[in-house]
Amino acid sequence: MCWLTCKDQLSILDSIRPRYLRRNFLMRFFGFLLFFISISALATDTTRVRNVKCKGGWVTEGTSKLEVISYCGQPKFSDITSGANMVKNEDLLFVIKRKDYIISFSGGKVTHIGMIK
């Protein structure tokens, strides 16, 4: 047995539905907004550069670690990643002409040069 007529039931559903849809839309909107902000923040940490001029010479991809240290001096910071059956990867932070550069090495050779913004 129905207490309300079908017309009354539909009007109750119509009064509830817009609030639910609005809340659902706002949750999706802010979720996408947060996603795009986080992706853009990750993408703008470093800018890839092809080469860097140090006091001793140019550093490009393929330059050995020994040459980089002789050209640019000692790094400000070093991060080494290695393990069993892995090629040793290193990230070195250099300050060159008051700018911070992260130079990545794999197997003792430069694989990536990035300038920190």
C-alpha atoms as a PDB file:
ATOM      1  CA  MET A   1       0.000   0.000   0.000  1.00  0.00           C
ATOM      2  CA  CYS A   2       1.344   3.359  -1.024  1.00  0.00           C
ATOM      3  CA  TRP A   3       1.087   6.371   1.282  1.00  0.00           C
ATOM      4  CA  LEU A   4       2.025   8.828  -1.418  1.00  0.00           C
ATOM      5  CA  THR A   5       0.812   8.960  -4.965  1.00  0.00           C
ATOM      6  CA  CYS A   6       3.298   8.415  -7.765  1.00  0.00           C
ATOM      7  CA  LYS A   7       3.286  12.130  -8.535  1.00  0.00           C
ATOM      8  CA  ASP A   8       4.226  12.954  -4.912  1.00  0.00           C
ATOM      9  CA  GLN A   9       7.010  10.359  -4.966  1.00  0.00           C
ATOM     10  CA  LEU A  10       8.496  11.862  -8.143  1.00  0.00           C
ATOM     11  CA  SER A  11       8.436  15.382  -6.712  1.00  0.00           C
ATOM     12  CA  ILE A  12      10.287  14.169  -3.592  1.00  0.00           C
ATOM     13  CA  LEU A  13      12.921  12.452  -5.761  1.00  0.00           C
ATOM     14  CA  ASP A  14      13.327  15.590  -7.889  1.00  0.00           C
ATOM     15  CA  SER A  15      13.921  17.722  -4.786  1.00  0.00           C
ATOM     16  CA  ILE A  16      16.627  15.343  -3.503  1.00  0.00           C
ATOM     17  CA  ARG A  17      18.382  14.618  -6.814  1.00  0.00           C
ATOM     18  CA  PRO A  18      19.802  18.110  -7.582  1.00  0.00           C
ATOM     19  CA  ARG A  19      21.692  18.256  -4.260  1.00  0.00           C
ATOM     20  CA  TYR A  20      23.159  14.810  -4.862  1.00  0.00           C
ATOM     21  CA  LEU A  21      24.149  15.689  -8.432  1.00  0.00           C
ATOM     22  CA  ARG A  22      25.667  19.000  -7.338  1.00  0.00           C
ATOM     23  CA  ARG A  23      27.743  17.326  -4.637  1.00  0.00           C
ATOM     24  CA  ASN A  24      28.835  14.570  -7.030  1.00  0.00           C
ATOM     25  CA  PHE A  25      29.809  17.146  -9.659  1.00  0.00           C
ATOM     26  CA  LEU A  26      31.829  19.187  -7.152  1.00  0.00           C
ATOM     27  CA  MET A  27      33.655  16.098  -5.897  1.00  0.00           C
ATOM     28  CA  ARG A  28      34.587  15.103  -9.454  1.00  0.00           C
ATOM     29  CA  PHE A  29      35.582  18.660 -10.374  1.00  0.00           C
ATOM     30  CA  PHE A  30      37.886  19.114  -7.377  1.00  0.00           C
ATOM     31  CA  GLY A  31      39.289  15.609  -7.871  1.00  0.00           C
ATOM     32  CA  PHE A  32      40.269  16.407 -11.463  1.00  0.00           C
ATOM     33  CA  LEU A  33      41.594  19.820 -10.412  1.00  0.00           C
ATOM     34  CA  LEU A  34      43.801  18.259  -7.733  1.00  0.00           C
ATOM     35  CA  PHE A  35      45.024  15.648 -10.223  1.00  0.00           C
ATOM     36  CA  PHE A  36      46.055  18.259 -12.811  1.00  0.00           C
ATOM     37  CA  ILE A  37      47.744  20.478 -10.212  1.00  0.00           C
ATOM     38  CA  SER A  38      49.796  17.551  -8.915  1.00  0.00           C
ATOM     39  CA  ILE A  39      50.797  16.474 -12.435  1.00  0.00           C
ATOM     40  CA  SER A  40      51.853  20.018 -13.365  1.00  0.00           C
ATOM     41  CA  ALA A  41      53.852  20.323 -10.134  1.00  0.00           C
ATOM     42  CA  LEU A  42      55.725  17.113 -10.896  1.00  0.00           C
ATOM     43  CA  ALA A  43      56.369  18.142 -14.471  1.00  0.00           C
ATOM     44  CA  THR A  44      57.922  21.486 -13.549  1.00  0.00           C
ATOM     45  CA  ASP A  45      60.483  20.327 -10.962  1.00  0.00           C
ATOM     46  CA  THR A  46      63.362  20.196 -13.423  1.00  0.00           C
ATOM     47  CA  THR A  47      63.923  21.408 -16.935  1.00  0.00           C
ATOM     48  CA  ARG A  48      65.936  19.097 -19.148  1.00  0.00           C
ATOM     49  CA  VAL A  49      68.996  20.739 -20.672  1.00  0.00           C
ATOM     50  CA  ARG A  50      71.292  19.326 -23.340  1.00  0.00           C
ATOM     51  CA  ASN A  51      74.588  20.544 -21.911  1.00  0.00           C
ATOM     52  CA  VAL A  52      76.088  22.629 -19.122  1.00  0.00           C
ATOM     53  CA  LYS A  53      79.178  24.853 -19.222  1.00  0.00           C
ATOM     54  CA  CYS A  54      81.372  24.442 -16.159  1.00  0.00           C
ATOM     55  CA  LYS A  55      84.719  26.107 -15.452  1.00  0.00           C
ATOM     56  CA  GLY A  56      86.652  23.185 -16.933  1.00  0.00           C
ATOM     57  CA  GLY A  57      84.514  22.393 -19.988  1.00  0.00           C
ATOM     58  CA  TRP A  58      81.151  21.296 -21.360  1.00  0.00           C
ATOM     59  CA  VAL A  59      79.130  18.492 -19.784  1.00  0.00           C
ATOM     60  CA  THR A  60      76.829  16.581 -22.162  1.00  0.00           C
ATOM     61  CA  GLU A  61      75.169  13.164 -22.212  1.00  0.00           C
ATOM     62  CA  GLY A  62      77.816  10.466 -22.357  1.00  0.00           C
ATOM     63  CA  THR A  63      80.425  12.441 -20.378  1.00  0.00           C
ATOM     64  CA  SER A  64      82.087  10.319 -17.703  1.00  0.00           C
ATOM     65  CA  LYS A  65      81.633  11.007 -14.000  1.00  0.00           C
ATOM     66  CA  LEU A  66      85.346  11.692 -13.553  1.00  0.00           C
ATOM     67  CA  GLU A  67      85.230  14.365 -16.281  1.00  0.00           C
ATOM     68  CA  VAL A  68      82.145  16.005 -14.748  1.00  0.00           C
ATOM     69  CA  ILE A  69      83.795  16.250 -11.333  1.00  0.00           C
ATOM     70  CA  SER A  70      87.003  17.611 -12.878  1.00  0.00           C
ATOM     71  CA  TYR A  71      85.000  20.227 -14.860  1.00  0.00           C
ATOM     72  CA  CYS A  72      82.438  21.245 -12.204  1.00  0.00           C
ATOM     73  CA  GLY A  73      84.084  20.394  -8.878  1.00  0.00           C
ATOM     74  CA  GLN A  74      82.610  18.350  -6.034  1.00  0.00           C
ATOM     75  CA  PRO A  75      78.812  17.926  -5.979  1.00  0.00           C
ATOM     76  CA  LYS A  76      76.705  19.559  -3.293  1.00  0.00           C
ATOM     77  CA  PHE A  77      74.650  16.367  -2.796  1.00  0.00           C
ATOM     78  CA  SER A  78      74.792  12.777  -4.037  1.00  0.00           C
ATOM     79  CA  ASP A  79      72.111  10.075  -4.252  1.00  0.00           C
ATOM     80  CA  ILE A  80      73.130   6.545  -5.251  1.00  0.00           C
ATOM     81  CA  THR A  81      70.725   3.770  -6.258  1.00  0.00           C
ATOM     82  CA  SER A  82      72.080   0.272  -6.697  1.00  0.00           C
ATOM     83  CA  GLY A  83      71.309  -3.296  -5.850  1.00  0.00           C
ATOM     84  CA  ALA A  84      71.942  -6.879  -6.776  1.00  0.00           C
ATOM     85  CA  ASN A  85      72.059  -7.325 -10.570  1.00  0.00           C
ATOM     86  CA  MET A  86      71.458  -3.585 -11.115  1.00  0.00           C
ATOM     87  CA  VAL A  87      73.494  -0.961 -12.896  1.00  0.00           C
ATOM     88  CA  LYS A  88      74.575   1.709 -10.417  1.00  0.00           C
ATOM     89  CA  ASN A  89      72.569   4.937 -10.870  1.00  0.00           C
ATOM     90  CA  GLU A  90      73.662   8.216  -9.315  1.00  0.00           C
ATOM     91  CA  ASP A  91      72.103  11.662  -9.117  1.00  0.00           C
ATOM     92  CA  LEU A  92      74.515  14.469  -8.265  1.00  0.00           C
ATOM     93  CA  LEU A  93      73.498  18.031  -7.412  1.00  0.00           C
ATOM     94  CA  PHE A  94      75.841  20.745  -8.678  1.00  0.00           C
ATOM     95  CA  VAL A  95      75.593  24.516  -8.239  1.00  0.00           C
ATOM     96  CA  ILE A  96      76.831  26.077 -11.466  1.00  0.00           C
ATOM     97  CA  LYS A  97      76.628  29.853 -11.930  1.00  0.00           C
ATOM     98  CA  ARG A  98      74.167  30.164  -9.005  1.00  0.00           C
ATOM     99  CA  LYS A  99      71.769  27.608 -10.568  1.00  0.00           C
ATOM    100  CA  ASP A 100      71.126  24.090  -9.303  1.00  0.00           C
ATOM    101  CA  TYR A 101      71.619  21.217 -11.738  1.00  0.00           C
ATOM    102  CA  ILE A 102      70.916  17.530 -11.182  1.00  0.00           C
ATOM    103  CA  ILE A 103      73.173  15.381 -13.317  1.00  0.00           C
ATOM    104  CA  SER A 104      72.168  11.703 -13.495  1.00  0.00           C
ATOM    105  CA  PHE A 105      74.650   8.933 -14.192  1.00  0.00           C
ATOM    106  CA  SER A 106      74.150   5.309 -15.158  1.00  0.00           C
ATOM    107  CA  GLY A 107      77.172   3.069 -15.451  1.00  0.00           C
ATOM    108  CA  GLY A 108      79.499   6.040 -14.876  1.00  0.00           C
ATOM    109  CA  LYS A 109      78.164   8.088 -17.839  1.00  0.00           C
ATOM    110  CA  VAL A 110      75.797  11.096 -17.893  1.00  0.00           C
ATOM    111  CA  THR A 111      72.255  10.072 -18.887  1.00  0.00           C
ATOM    112  CA  HIS A 112      70.245  13.158 -17.920  1.00  0.00           C
ATOM    113  CA  ILE A 113      70.941  16.806 -17.073  1.00  0.00           C
ATOM    114  CA  GLY A 114      68.191  18.804 -15.393  1.00  0.00           C
ATOM    115  CA  MET A 115      68.061  22.376 -14.114  1.00  0.00           C
ATOM    116  CA  ILE A 116      66.016  22.928 -10.959  1.00  0.00           C
ATOM    117  CA  LYS A 117      63.663  25.891 -11.221  1.00  0.00           C
END
